[in-house]
Amino acid sequence: MRPPHDLPEPPHQVSFRFGDEEIEAWEGETVATALLASGVMITGVRAMSGRSRGPYCLIGVCHECLVEIDGLANQRACITTVRQNMKVCRQTRLRPLTGEDETREQ
């Protein structure tokens, strides 16, 4: 049996921005699970149909949870770990898959 001082530390809480909202999360948690735990079900809108998108498979396969993180578009919320003070936004239109996002509003 290990002595108590060798027990792993519990995870720390971190916070990040989702639009104008401050979201509390546990260190090591994904953006998608933190959003779902906070009651956020919609992470974006399909550009072609206008229908809502949100976390679905939670393993990075379906790409339904695409968000913009710290200015980078097309980030999968379900496989991105939260970081203190990261800025997450809903993705509401088509974004380039590579290179600079020239259509981004300044």
N, C-alpha and C. Protein backbone atom coordinates (compact mmCIF):
# COMPACT_ATOMS: atom_id res chain seq x y z
N MET A 1 0.83 -1.18 0.00
CA MET A 1 0.00 0.00 0.00
C MET A 1 0.88 1.25 0.00
N ARG A 2 0.51 2.21 -0.87
CA ARG A 2 1.30 3.44 -0.96
C ARG A 2 0.88 4.41 0.14
N PRO A 3 1.83 5.19 0.62
CA PRO A 3 1.47 6.21 1.61
C PRO A 3 0.60 7.29 0.95
N PRO A 4 -0.24 7.97 1.72
CA PRO A 4 -1.17 8.96 1.17
C PRO A 4 -0.51 10.07 0.37
N HIS A 5 0.72 10.45 0.70
CA HIS A 5 1.37 11.55 -0.02
C HIS A 5 1.73 11.16 -1.46
N ASP A 6 1.64 9.89 -1.82
CA ASP A 6 1.91 9.47 -3.18
C ASP A 6 0.65 9.40 -4.05
N LEU A 7 -0.49 9.72 -3.46
CA LEU A 7 -1.73 9.68 -4.23
C LEU A 7 -1.71 10.78 -5.29
N PRO A 8 -2.28 10.51 -6.46
CA PRO A 8 -2.31 11.56 -7.49
C PRO A 8 -3.15 12.74 -7.03
N GLU A 9 -2.75 13.92 -7.48
CA GLU A 9 -3.51 15.12 -7.15
C GLU A 9 -4.83 15.13 -7.92
N PRO A 10 -5.87 15.63 -7.31
CA PRO A 10 -7.13 15.76 -8.05
C PRO A 10 -6.97 16.80 -9.15
N PRO A 11 -7.76 16.72 -10.21
CA PRO A 11 -7.63 17.69 -11.29
C PRO A 11 -7.98 19.10 -10.80
N HIS A 12 -7.38 20.08 -11.42
CA HIS A 12 -7.65 21.47 -11.09
C HIS A 12 -8.74 22.00 -12.01
N GLN A 13 -9.45 22.99 -11.52
CA GLN A 13 -10.43 23.64 -12.37
C GLN A 13 -9.75 24.70 -13.21
N VAL A 14 -10.20 24.83 -14.45
CA VAL A 14 -9.74 25.88 -15.36
C VAL A 14 -10.98 26.55 -15.92
N SER A 15 -10.79 27.71 -16.51
CA SER A 15 -11.93 28.39 -17.14
C SER A 15 -11.52 28.84 -18.53
N PHE A 16 -12.50 28.89 -19.42
CA PHE A 16 -12.27 29.37 -20.77
C PHE A 16 -13.51 30.12 -21.24
N ARG A 17 -13.38 30.85 -22.32
CA ARG A 17 -14.48 31.63 -22.85
C ARG A 17 -15.14 30.87 -23.99
N PHE A 18 -16.46 30.86 -23.99
CA PHE A 18 -17.23 30.35 -25.12
C PHE A 18 -18.14 31.49 -25.53
N GLY A 19 -17.73 32.20 -26.57
CA GLY A 19 -18.42 33.44 -26.93
C GLY A 19 -18.27 34.42 -25.78
N ASP A 20 -19.39 34.88 -25.24
CA ASP A 20 -19.36 35.83 -24.12
C ASP A 20 -19.47 35.15 -22.77
N GLU A 21 -19.53 33.83 -22.76
CA GLU A 21 -19.76 33.08 -21.52
C GLU A 21 -18.47 32.49 -20.98
N GLU A 22 -18.30 32.55 -19.67
CA GLU A 22 -17.17 31.90 -19.01
C GLU A 22 -17.59 30.49 -18.63
N ILE A 23 -16.81 29.50 -19.05
CA ILE A 23 -17.11 28.10 -18.79
C ILE A 23 -16.05 27.54 -17.83
N GLU A 24 -16.52 26.88 -16.78
CA GLU A 24 -15.62 26.20 -15.84
C GLU A 24 -15.46 24.75 -16.30
N ALA A 25 -14.24 24.24 -16.22
CA ALA A 25 -13.97 22.86 -16.65
C ALA A 25 -12.90 22.27 -15.76
N TRP A 26 -12.74 20.96 -15.86
CA TRP A 26 -11.68 20.27 -15.15
C TRP A 26 -10.48 20.11 -16.07
N GLU A 27 -9.30 20.29 -15.52
CA GLU A 27 -8.07 20.07 -16.27
C GLU A 27 -8.09 18.67 -16.86
N GLY A 28 -7.79 18.53 -18.15
CA GLY A 28 -7.80 17.23 -18.82
C GLY A 28 -9.10 16.91 -19.52
N GLU A 29 -10.14 17.69 -19.26
CA GLU A 29 -11.45 17.49 -19.90
C GLU A 29 -11.41 18.05 -21.32
N THR A 30 -12.25 17.54 -22.20
CA THR A 30 -12.30 18.09 -23.55
C THR A 30 -13.24 19.29 -23.59
N VAL A 31 -13.06 20.11 -24.61
CA VAL A 31 -13.92 21.28 -24.80
C VAL A 31 -15.37 20.82 -24.92
N ALA A 32 -15.62 19.76 -25.69
CA ALA A 32 -16.99 19.28 -25.89
C ALA A 32 -17.65 18.85 -24.58
N THR A 33 -16.95 18.09 -23.76
CA THR A 33 -17.56 17.63 -22.51
C THR A 33 -17.78 18.79 -21.55
N ALA A 34 -16.87 19.75 -21.54
CA ALA A 34 -17.06 20.93 -20.67
C ALA A 34 -18.27 21.74 -21.14
N LEU A 35 -18.44 21.89 -22.45
CA LEU A 35 -19.60 22.62 -22.97
C LEU A 35 -20.89 21.88 -22.65
N LEU A 36 -20.91 20.57 -22.89
CA LEU A 36 -22.11 19.78 -22.59
C LEU A 36 -22.46 19.85 -21.11
N ALA A 37 -21.46 19.78 -20.24
CA ALA A 37 -21.70 19.84 -18.80
C ALA A 37 -22.24 21.20 -18.38
N SER A 38 -21.95 22.23 -19.18
CA SER A 38 -22.44 23.58 -18.89
C SER A 38 -23.77 23.87 -19.58
N GLY A 39 -24.32 22.87 -20.27
CA GLY A 39 -25.62 23.05 -20.92
C GLY A 39 -25.56 23.54 -22.35
N VAL A 40 -24.37 23.65 -22.92
CA VAL A 40 -24.23 24.10 -24.31
C VAL A 40 -24.34 22.88 -25.22
N MET A 41 -25.37 22.85 -26.05
CA MET A 41 -25.58 21.71 -26.95
C MET A 41 -25.21 22.05 -28.40
N ILE A 42 -25.21 23.31 -28.75
CA ILE A 42 -24.96 23.73 -30.13
C ILE A 42 -23.60 24.40 -30.21
N THR A 43 -22.70 23.82 -31.02
CA THR A 43 -21.35 24.38 -31.17
C THR A 43 -21.17 25.08 -32.51
N GLY A 44 -22.15 24.99 -33.38
CA GLY A 44 -22.03 25.64 -34.67
C GLY A 44 -23.26 25.43 -35.51
N VAL A 45 -23.16 25.93 -36.74
CA VAL A 45 -24.25 25.85 -37.71
C VAL A 45 -23.68 25.35 -39.02
N ARG A 46 -24.36 24.42 -39.65
CA ARG A 46 -23.93 23.95 -40.97
C ARG A 46 -24.09 25.09 -41.96
N ALA A 47 -23.01 25.41 -42.67
CA ALA A 47 -23.01 26.55 -43.58
C ALA A 47 -24.00 26.39 -44.72
N MET A 48 -24.17 25.21 -45.23
CA MET A 48 -25.03 25.01 -46.40
C MET A 48 -26.51 24.96 -46.03
N SER A 49 -26.86 24.29 -44.96
CA SER A 49 -28.28 24.12 -44.62
C SER A 49 -28.75 25.05 -43.51
N GLY A 50 -27.83 25.59 -42.72
CA GLY A 50 -28.21 26.43 -41.60
C GLY A 50 -28.66 25.65 -40.38
N ARG A 51 -28.58 24.33 -40.42
CA ARG A 51 -28.99 23.50 -39.28
C ARG A 51 -27.91 23.52 -38.20
N SER A 52 -28.34 23.36 -36.97
CA SER A 52 -27.43 23.37 -35.82
C SER A 52 -26.55 22.13 -35.80
N ARG A 53 -25.33 22.31 -35.27
CA ARG A 53 -24.40 21.20 -35.07
C ARG A 53 -24.02 21.17 -33.60
N GLY A 54 -23.61 20.01 -33.14
CA GLY A 54 -23.14 19.87 -31.77
C GLY A 54 -22.43 18.56 -31.60
N PRO A 55 -21.78 18.34 -30.45
CA PRO A 55 -21.06 17.09 -30.22
C PRO A 55 -21.98 15.88 -30.44
N TYR A 56 -21.45 14.90 -31.17
CA TYR A 56 -22.26 13.72 -31.49
C TYR A 56 -21.51 12.44 -31.11
N CYS A 57 -20.39 12.16 -31.78
CA CYS A 57 -19.70 10.89 -31.53
C CYS A 57 -18.73 10.98 -30.34
N LEU A 58 -18.21 12.15 -30.07
CA LEU A 58 -17.25 12.42 -28.99
C LEU A 58 -15.94 11.64 -29.10
N ILE A 59 -15.61 11.16 -30.31
CA ILE A 59 -14.32 10.49 -30.52
C ILE A 59 -13.57 11.03 -31.73
N GLY A 60 -14.02 12.16 -32.30
CA GLY A 60 -13.29 12.80 -33.39
C GLY A 60 -13.59 12.30 -34.78
N VAL A 61 -14.62 11.50 -34.95
CA VAL A 61 -14.91 10.91 -36.25
C VAL A 61 -15.89 11.75 -37.08
N CYS A 62 -16.95 12.23 -36.46
CA CYS A 62 -18.06 12.83 -37.22
C CYS A 62 -17.86 14.30 -37.59
N HIS A 63 -17.01 15.02 -36.91
CA HIS A 63 -16.75 16.45 -37.16
C HIS A 63 -17.97 17.34 -36.94
N GLU A 64 -18.95 16.90 -36.17
CA GLU A 64 -20.13 17.72 -35.88
C GLU A 64 -19.85 18.79 -34.84
N CYS A 65 -18.75 18.69 -34.13
CA CYS A 65 -18.46 19.62 -33.04
C CYS A 65 -17.42 20.67 -33.41
N LEU A 66 -17.25 20.95 -34.71
CA LEU A 66 -16.24 21.92 -35.12
C LEU A 66 -16.50 23.28 -34.51
N VAL A 67 -15.45 23.87 -33.96
CA VAL A 67 -15.50 25.20 -33.36
C VAL A 67 -14.24 25.96 -33.77
N GLU A 68 -14.23 27.23 -33.44
CA GLU A 68 -13.03 28.04 -33.61
C GLU A 68 -12.38 28.17 -32.24
N ILE A 69 -11.11 27.83 -32.14
CA ILE A 69 -10.39 27.90 -30.87
C ILE A 69 -9.18 28.80 -31.04
N ASP A 70 -9.14 29.85 -30.23
CA ASP A 70 -8.05 30.83 -30.27
C ASP A 70 -7.77 31.29 -31.70
N GLY A 71 -8.84 31.53 -32.45
CA GLY A 71 -8.72 32.05 -33.82
C GLY A 71 -8.51 31.01 -34.89
N LEU A 72 -8.37 29.75 -34.53
CA LEU A 72 -8.17 28.68 -35.52
C LEU A 72 -9.49 27.98 -35.78
N ALA A 73 -9.93 27.97 -37.02
CA ALA A 73 -11.19 27.33 -37.39
C ALA A 73 -11.01 25.83 -37.51
N ASN A 74 -12.15 25.12 -37.61
CA ASN A 74 -12.20 23.68 -37.87
C ASN A 74 -11.53 22.82 -36.79
N GLN A 75 -11.66 23.24 -35.53
CA GLN A 75 -11.10 22.47 -34.43
C GLN A 75 -12.18 21.56 -33.85
N ARG A 76 -11.86 20.30 -33.66
CA ARG A 76 -12.83 19.35 -33.09
C ARG A 76 -12.85 19.50 -31.57
N ALA A 77 -13.98 19.96 -31.05
CA ALA A 77 -14.12 20.19 -29.61
C ALA A 77 -14.02 18.90 -28.82
N CYS A 78 -14.37 17.77 -29.44
CA CYS A 78 -14.40 16.50 -28.71
C CYS A 78 -13.02 15.89 -28.47
N ILE A 79 -12.00 16.37 -29.17
CA ILE A 79 -10.66 15.82 -28.95
C ILE A 79 -9.66 16.90 -28.55
N THR A 80 -10.15 18.11 -28.27
CA THR A 80 -9.29 19.21 -27.85
C THR A 80 -9.43 19.39 -26.34
N THR A 81 -8.32 19.32 -25.64
CA THR A 81 -8.32 19.47 -24.19
C THR A 81 -8.42 20.94 -23.82
N VAL A 82 -9.22 21.24 -22.81
CA VAL A 82 -9.37 22.63 -22.37
C VAL A 82 -8.06 23.15 -21.80
N ARG A 83 -7.85 24.44 -22.00
CA ARG A 83 -6.71 25.15 -21.43
C ARG A 83 -7.23 26.42 -20.76
N GLN A 84 -6.57 26.84 -19.74
CA GLN A 84 -6.94 28.07 -19.05
C GLN A 84 -6.94 29.23 -20.05
N ASN A 85 -8.01 30.02 -20.04
CA ASN A 85 -8.15 31.25 -20.83
C ASN A 85 -8.25 31.04 -22.34
N MET A 86 -8.48 29.82 -22.82
CA MET A 86 -8.66 29.64 -24.26
C MET A 86 -9.96 30.32 -24.67
N LYS A 87 -10.04 30.73 -25.93
CA LYS A 87 -11.23 31.37 -26.45
C LYS A 87 -11.85 30.48 -27.51
N VAL A 88 -13.08 30.05 -27.26
CA VAL A 88 -13.79 29.15 -28.15
C VAL A 88 -15.01 29.89 -28.70
N CYS A 89 -15.25 29.77 -30.01
CA CYS A 89 -16.41 30.39 -30.65
C CYS A 89 -17.14 29.36 -31.48
N ARG A 90 -18.45 29.56 -31.60
CA ARG A 90 -19.23 28.72 -32.53
C ARG A 90 -18.72 28.96 -33.94
N GLN A 91 -18.72 27.91 -34.73
CA GLN A 91 -18.35 28.03 -36.14
C GLN A 91 -19.64 28.03 -36.93
N THR A 92 -19.91 29.15 -37.60
CA THR A 92 -21.21 29.33 -38.23
C THR A 92 -21.17 29.44 -39.75
N ARG A 93 -20.00 29.29 -40.35
CA ARG A 93 -19.91 29.35 -41.81
C ARG A 93 -18.74 28.51 -42.29
N LEU A 94 -18.67 28.31 -43.58
CA LEU A 94 -17.57 27.54 -44.13
C LEU A 94 -16.24 28.21 -43.82
N ARG A 95 -15.27 27.42 -43.49
CA ARG A 95 -13.94 27.92 -43.19
C ARG A 95 -12.94 27.18 -44.06
N PRO A 96 -11.86 27.85 -44.45
CA PRO A 96 -10.82 27.15 -45.22
C PRO A 96 -10.24 25.99 -44.41
N LEU A 97 -9.90 24.93 -45.08
CA LEU A 97 -9.31 23.78 -44.40
C LEU A 97 -7.83 24.00 -44.12
N THR A 98 -7.15 24.82 -44.93
CA THR A 98 -5.74 25.09 -44.72
C THR A 98 -5.48 26.57 -44.95
N GLY A 99 -4.35 27.05 -44.44
CA GLY A 99 -3.95 28.43 -44.66
C GLY A 99 -4.72 29.43 -43.82
N GLU A 100 -4.52 30.70 -44.13
CA GLU A 100 -5.16 31.79 -43.39
C GLU A 100 -6.64 31.86 -43.71
N ASP A 101 -7.39 32.22 -42.74
CA ASP A 101 -8.83 32.43 -42.92
C ASP A 101 -9.01 33.90 -43.31
N GLU A 102 -9.03 34.16 -44.63
CA GLU A 102 -9.10 35.53 -45.11
C GLU A 102 -10.47 36.15 -44.98
N THR A 103 -11.50 35.31 -44.74
CA THR A 103 -12.85 35.85 -44.62
C THR A 103 -13.18 36.23 -43.18
N ARG A 104 -12.26 35.98 -42.29
CA ARG A 104 -12.50 36.24 -40.87
C ARG A 104 -12.65 37.74 -40.62
N GLU A 105 -13.66 38.08 -39.84
CA GLU A 105 -13.88 39.48 -39.53
C GLU A 105 -12.86 39.94 -38.53
N GLN A 106 -12.30 41.09 -38.74
CA GLN A 106 -11.27 41.65 -37.86
C GLN A 106 -11.90 42.45 -36.77
